[in-house]
Structure formats: C-alpha cells, structure tokens
Amino acid sequence: MAGVSLVASAFFSIWLIFCWFAGSVSIRCATIERRFEPRTYQLAMLGFLIIDLAFLASLILNLYGSHRPGA
C-alpha cells in the first residue's frame, strides 16, 4: 500500500506542478485555462491538491505503521 501511495502521490505532484506552469488543467476531456476561467481553474487545482495530499497522508501513515517500534 505504501508503494501505491508513493507512486500516486508522485504522479499527482508532478501533474499539479505541470498544470500550474502550463496554466491549464484537463479534466475528463475538458481543458480549463487559467486566463479564461480563473475560478474553475482554481477549483480544479484545489481538487488535484486534495487528492495529492490524501495520497501523501496515506503514504506517511503506511510508513509510520510499518516502521514504528513494536510493530
């Protein structure tokens, strides 16, 4: 599970950074550009950030659970 969380967190982090620099995000065959729809772009990026943080929290908890003393 830690491996899946690591890969997913890395993927979403890279995707988030790429979308930030590109100024557009693609969701389900729709491209949202920052300059035309700033509010929708911010919501889409917030969604990706929440997904990324969820996988990162899962990774941290899995690593803690597998390496804590007395496990």
C-alpha atoms as a PDB file:
ATOM      1  CA  MET A   1       0.000   0.000   0.000  1.00  0.00           C
ATOM      2  CA  ALA A   2       2.879   2.356   0.722  1.00  0.00           C
ATOM      3  CA  GLY A   3       4.225   1.777  -2.787  1.00  0.00           C
ATOM      4  CA  VAL A   4       0.895   2.606  -4.401  1.00  0.00           C
ATOM      5  CA  SER A   5       0.601   5.759  -2.295  1.00  0.00           C
ATOM      6  CA  LEU A   6       4.153   6.759  -3.219  1.00  0.00           C
ATOM      7  CA  VAL A   7       3.562   6.357  -6.942  1.00  0.00           C
ATOM      8  CA  ALA A   8       0.179   8.104  -6.837  1.00  0.00           C
ATOM      9  CA  SER A   9       1.496  10.988  -4.738  1.00  0.00           C
ATOM     10  CA  ALA A  10       4.485  11.451  -7.050  1.00  0.00           C
ATOM     11  CA  PHE A  11       2.243  11.349 -10.120  1.00  0.00           C
ATOM     12  CA  PHE A  12      -0.249  13.871  -8.772  1.00  0.00           C
ATOM     13  CA  SER A  13       2.543  16.163  -7.530  1.00  0.00           C
ATOM     14  CA  ILE A  14       4.171  16.196 -10.962  1.00  0.00           C
ATOM     15  CA  TRP A  15       0.790  16.691 -12.651  1.00  0.00           C
ATOM     16  CA  LEU A  16      -0.053  19.564 -10.287  1.00  0.00           C
ATOM     17  CA  ILE A  17       3.258  21.323 -10.973  1.00  0.00           C
ATOM     18  CA  PHE A  18       2.930  20.779 -14.728  1.00  0.00           C
ATOM     19  CA  CYS A  19      -0.615  22.185 -14.783  1.00  0.00           C
ATOM     20  CA  TRP A  20       0.464  25.172 -12.709  1.00  0.00           C
ATOM     21  CA  PHE A  21       3.231  26.131 -15.140  1.00  0.00           C
ATOM     22  CA  ALA A  22       1.132  25.353 -18.218  1.00  0.00           C
ATOM     23  CA  GLY A  23      -1.761  27.479 -16.977  1.00  0.00           C
ATOM     24  CA  SER A  24      -4.355  24.898 -17.932  1.00  0.00           C
ATOM     25  CA  VAL A  25      -5.730  21.697 -16.500  1.00  0.00           C
ATOM     26  CA  SER A  26      -7.530  18.864 -18.316  1.00  0.00           C
ATOM     27  CA  ILE A  27     -10.363  17.044 -16.615  1.00  0.00           C
ATOM     28  CA  ARG A  28     -12.450  14.440 -18.429  1.00  0.00           C
ATOM     29  CA  CYS A  29     -11.723  15.696 -21.947  1.00  0.00           C
ATOM     30  CA  ALA A  30     -12.259  19.352 -20.975  1.00  0.00           C
ATOM     31  CA  THR A  31      -9.408  21.814 -20.792  1.00  0.00           C
ATOM     32  CA  ILE A  32      -9.729  24.653 -18.302  1.00  0.00           C
ATOM     33  CA  GLU A  33      -7.408  27.594 -18.860  1.00  0.00           C
ATOM     34  CA  ARG A  34      -6.419  29.959 -16.090  1.00  0.00           C
ATOM     35  CA  ARG A  35      -6.821  33.164 -18.077  1.00  0.00           C
ATOM     36  CA  PHE A  36     -10.362  32.402 -19.336  1.00  0.00           C
ATOM     37  CA  GLU A  37     -11.909  30.686 -16.302  1.00  0.00           C
ATOM     38  CA  PRO A  38      -9.885  31.560 -13.183  1.00  0.00           C
ATOM     39  CA  ARG A  39     -12.432  30.323 -10.606  1.00  0.00           C
ATOM     40  CA  THR A  40     -12.988  26.977 -12.318  1.00  0.00           C
ATOM     41  CA  TYR A  41      -9.221  26.571 -12.736  1.00  0.00           C
ATOM     42  CA  GLN A  42      -8.689  27.233  -9.023  1.00  0.00           C
ATOM     43  CA  LEU A  43     -11.336  24.652  -8.086  1.00  0.00           C
ATOM     44  CA  ALA A  44      -9.794  22.058 -10.390  1.00  0.00           C
ATOM     45  CA  MET A  45      -6.326  22.684  -8.981  1.00  0.00           C
ATOM     46  CA  LEU A  46      -7.717  22.518  -5.437  1.00  0.00           C
ATOM     47  CA  GLY A  47      -9.224  19.131  -6.271  1.00  0.00           C
ATOM     48  CA  PHE A  48      -5.883  17.838  -7.525  1.00  0.00           C
ATOM     49  CA  LEU A  49      -4.181  19.234  -4.413  1.00  0.00           C
ATOM     50  CA  ILE A  50      -6.652  17.447  -2.113  1.00  0.00           C
ATOM     51  CA  ILE A  51      -6.111  14.161  -3.959  1.00  0.00           C
ATOM     52  CA  ASP A  52      -2.344  14.642  -3.772  1.00  0.00           C
ATOM     53  CA  LEU A  53      -2.434  15.404  -0.047  1.00  0.00           C
ATOM     54  CA  ALA A  54      -4.661  12.375   0.596  1.00  0.00           C
ATOM     55  CA  PHE A  55      -2.164  10.039  -1.063  1.00  0.00           C
ATOM     56  CA  LEU A  56       0.715  11.762   0.750  1.00  0.00           C
ATOM     57  CA  ALA A  57      -1.042  11.328   4.117  1.00  0.00           C
ATOM     58  CA  SER A  58      -1.701   7.681   3.262  1.00  0.00           C
ATOM     59  CA  LEU A  59       1.976   7.193   2.444  1.00  0.00           C
ATOM     60  CA  ILE A  60       3.081   8.777   5.712  1.00  0.00           C
ATOM     61  CA  LEU A  61       0.648   6.701   7.768  1.00  0.00           C
ATOM     62  CA  ASN A  62       1.650   3.488   5.987  1.00  0.00           C
ATOM     63  CA  LEU A  63       5.342   4.165   6.529  1.00  0.00           C
ATOM     64  CA  TYR A  64       4.726   5.007  10.173  1.00  0.00           C
ATOM     65  CA  GLY A  65       2.691   1.852  10.671  1.00  0.00           C
ATOM     66  CA  SER A  66       5.309  -0.378   9.098  1.00  0.00           C
ATOM     67  CA  HIS A  67       8.338   1.162  10.859  1.00  0.00           C
ATOM     68  CA  ARG A  68       7.083   2.048  14.319  1.00  0.00           C
ATOM     69  CA  PRO A  69       8.730   0.325  17.272  1.00  0.00           C
ATOM     70  CA  GLY A  70       6.921  -2.786  18.430  1.00  0.00           C
ATOM     71  CA  ALA A  71       5.134  -3.360  15.125  1.00  0.00           C
END
